[in-house]
């Protein structure tokens, strides 16, 4: 995926929900999509000031 990889995670505790983490091949986390199981809210957070290709985000 053009130098990026995805990791699917599930969590209970401080945040109850599912996360899809986007990281570089080197392991640096650059974004996270999160669905909160309590509020049903979906969010996307970016952890970089570098451009991330739209194709990768989609």
N, C-alpha and C. Protein backbone atom coordinates (compact mmCIF):
# COMPACT_ATOMS: atom_id res chain seq x y z
N UNK A 1 0.84 -1.20 0.00
CA UNK A 1 0.00 0.00 0.00
C UNK A 1 0.88 1.25 0.00
N UNK A 2 1.78 1.32 -0.95
CA UNK A 2 2.60 2.51 -1.16
C UNK A 2 3.36 2.97 0.07
N UNK A 3 3.98 2.06 0.81
CA UNK A 3 4.80 2.43 1.95
C UNK A 3 4.04 2.55 3.26
N UNK A 4 2.79 2.14 3.29
CA UNK A 4 1.98 2.20 4.51
C UNK A 4 1.43 0.82 4.85
N UNK A 5 1.07 0.63 6.10
CA UNK A 5 0.42 -0.61 6.53
C UNK A 5 -0.71 -0.27 7.49
N UNK A 6 -1.68 -1.19 7.62
CA UNK A 6 -2.84 -1.01 8.48
C UNK A 6 -2.82 -2.02 9.61
N UNK A 7 -3.33 -1.60 10.75
CA UNK A 7 -3.46 -2.47 11.91
C UNK A 7 -4.84 -2.27 12.50
N UNK A 8 -5.61 -3.34 12.61
CA UNK A 8 -6.95 -3.29 13.18
C UNK A 8 -6.84 -3.63 14.66
N UNK A 9 -7.43 -2.77 15.51
CA UNK A 9 -7.34 -2.97 16.95
C UNK A 9 -8.71 -2.82 17.59
N UNK A 10 -8.89 -3.53 18.68
CA UNK A 10 -10.11 -3.43 19.48
C UNK A 10 -9.69 -3.11 20.90
N UNK A 11 -10.46 -2.25 21.56
CA UNK A 11 -10.10 -1.88 22.92
C UNK A 11 -11.29 -1.74 23.83
N UNK A 12 -11.06 -2.05 25.09
CA UNK A 12 -12.06 -1.85 26.15
C UNK A 12 -11.34 -1.17 27.29
N UNK A 13 -11.97 -0.20 27.89
CA UNK A 13 -11.34 0.54 28.98
C UNK A 13 -11.54 2.02 28.78
N UNK A 14 -10.42 2.74 28.71
CA UNK A 14 -10.49 4.19 28.52
C UNK A 14 -11.25 4.53 27.24
N UNK A 15 -11.01 3.77 26.19
CA UNK A 15 -11.74 3.93 24.93
C UNK A 15 -12.29 2.57 24.55
N UNK A 16 -13.62 2.48 24.42
CA UNK A 16 -14.28 1.23 24.07
C UNK A 16 -14.69 1.31 22.61
N UNK A 17 -13.98 0.54 21.75
CA UNK A 17 -14.32 0.60 20.34
C UNK A 17 -13.29 -0.10 19.49
N UNK A 18 -13.36 0.21 18.19
CA UNK A 18 -12.46 -0.37 17.19
C UNK A 18 -11.64 0.75 16.54
N UNK A 19 -10.36 0.45 16.30
CA UNK A 19 -9.49 1.43 15.65
C UNK A 19 -8.81 0.77 14.46
N UNK A 20 -8.62 1.55 13.43
CA UNK A 20 -7.84 1.14 12.28
C UNK A 20 -6.68 2.14 12.20
N UNK A 21 -5.47 1.65 12.51
CA UNK A 21 -4.30 2.51 12.54
C UNK A 21 -3.55 2.44 11.21
N UNK A 22 -3.13 3.59 10.73
CA UNK A 22 -2.33 3.70 9.52
C UNK A 22 -0.92 4.07 9.95
N UNK A 23 0.05 3.27 9.52
CA UNK A 23 1.45 3.51 9.88
C UNK A 23 2.33 3.40 8.65
N UNK A 24 3.50 4.03 8.73
CA UNK A 24 4.48 3.87 7.67
C UNK A 24 5.09 2.48 7.79
N UNK A 25 5.77 2.05 6.75
CA UNK A 25 6.45 0.75 6.78
C UNK A 25 7.47 0.70 7.92
N UNK A 26 8.00 1.87 8.32
CA UNK A 26 8.97 1.95 9.41
C UNK A 26 8.30 1.85 10.78
N UNK A 27 6.96 1.87 10.82
CA UNK A 27 6.24 1.71 12.07
C UNK A 27 5.74 2.99 12.71
N UNK A 28 5.94 4.15 12.08
CA UNK A 28 5.46 5.42 12.63
C UNK A 28 3.96 5.56 12.37
N UNK A 29 3.16 5.69 13.43
CA UNK A 29 1.72 5.85 13.27
C UNK A 29 1.44 7.24 12.74
N UNK A 30 0.68 7.31 11.63
CA UNK A 30 0.37 8.60 11.02
C UNK A 30 -1.10 8.97 11.11
N UNK A 31 -1.99 7.97 11.29
CA UNK A 31 -3.42 8.27 11.37
C UNK A 31 -4.15 7.13 12.07
N UNK A 32 -5.36 7.47 12.53
CA UNK A 32 -6.20 6.45 13.16
C UNK A 32 -7.66 6.77 12.85
N UNK A 33 -8.39 5.77 12.41
CA UNK A 33 -9.84 5.86 12.31
C UNK A 33 -10.41 5.10 13.49
N UNK A 34 -11.35 5.70 14.22
CA UNK A 34 -11.86 5.09 15.44
C UNK A 34 -13.38 5.13 15.47
N UNK A 35 -14.01 4.01 15.83
CA UNK A 35 -15.45 3.95 16.04
C UNK A 35 -15.70 3.64 17.51
N UNK A 36 -16.32 4.59 18.19
CA UNK A 36 -16.63 4.45 19.61
C UNK A 36 -17.87 3.58 19.78
N UNK A 37 -17.74 2.48 20.52
CA UNK A 37 -18.87 1.57 20.71
C UNK A 37 -19.96 2.15 21.61
N UNK A 38 -19.63 3.13 22.43
CA UNK A 38 -20.62 3.73 23.33
C UNK A 38 -21.42 4.81 22.61
N UNK A 39 -20.72 5.77 22.00
CA UNK A 39 -21.41 6.91 21.37
C UNK A 39 -21.72 6.67 19.90
N UNK A 40 -21.11 5.62 19.30
CA UNK A 40 -21.23 5.30 17.87
C UNK A 40 -20.58 6.37 16.99
N UNK A 41 -19.83 7.29 17.59
CA UNK A 41 -19.14 8.34 16.84
C UNK A 41 -17.93 7.75 16.12
N UNK A 42 -17.69 8.23 14.91
CA UNK A 42 -16.53 7.82 14.14
C UNK A 42 -15.63 9.03 13.92
N UNK A 43 -14.35 8.87 14.18
CA UNK A 43 -13.41 9.97 14.05
C UNK A 43 -12.16 9.51 13.29
N UNK A 44 -11.48 10.47 12.69
CA UNK A 44 -10.19 10.23 12.07
C UNK A 44 -9.23 11.25 12.66
N UNK A 45 -8.08 10.76 13.15
CA UNK A 45 -7.06 11.62 13.74
C UNK A 45 -5.75 11.41 13.00
N UNK A 46 -5.08 12.50 12.65
CA UNK A 46 -3.77 12.42 12.00
C UNK A 46 -2.70 12.81 13.02
N UNK A 47 -1.59 12.09 13.01
CA UNK A 47 -0.50 12.31 13.97
C UNK A 47 0.76 12.80 13.27
N UNK A 48 0.64 13.40 12.11
CA UNK A 48 1.78 13.85 11.34
C UNK A 48 1.46 15.17 10.68
N UNK A 49 2.50 15.94 10.42
CA UNK A 49 2.31 17.17 9.64
C UNK A 49 2.75 16.96 8.19
N UNK A 50 3.10 15.72 7.84
CA UNK A 50 3.49 15.38 6.48
C UNK A 50 2.25 14.98 5.67
N UNK A 51 2.26 15.22 4.38
CA UNK A 51 1.11 14.84 3.54
C UNK A 51 0.91 13.32 3.53
N UNK A 52 -0.34 12.93 3.59
CA UNK A 52 -0.72 11.51 3.48
C UNK A 52 -1.59 11.40 2.23
N UNK A 53 -1.21 10.55 1.27
CA UNK A 53 -1.98 10.47 0.03
C UNK A 53 -3.44 10.10 0.29
N UNK A 54 -4.36 10.78 -0.38
CA UNK A 54 -5.79 10.54 -0.22
C UNK A 54 -6.14 9.09 -0.53
N UNK A 55 -5.50 8.52 -1.52
CA UNK A 55 -5.76 7.12 -1.87
C UNK A 55 -5.48 6.19 -0.67
N UNK A 56 -4.44 6.49 0.08
CA UNK A 56 -4.09 5.69 1.26
C UNK A 56 -5.14 5.89 2.36
N UNK A 57 -5.58 7.13 2.56
CA UNK A 57 -6.58 7.43 3.60
C UNK A 57 -7.91 6.76 3.27
N UNK A 58 -8.30 6.77 2.00
CA UNK A 58 -9.57 6.15 1.61
C UNK A 58 -9.54 4.68 1.89
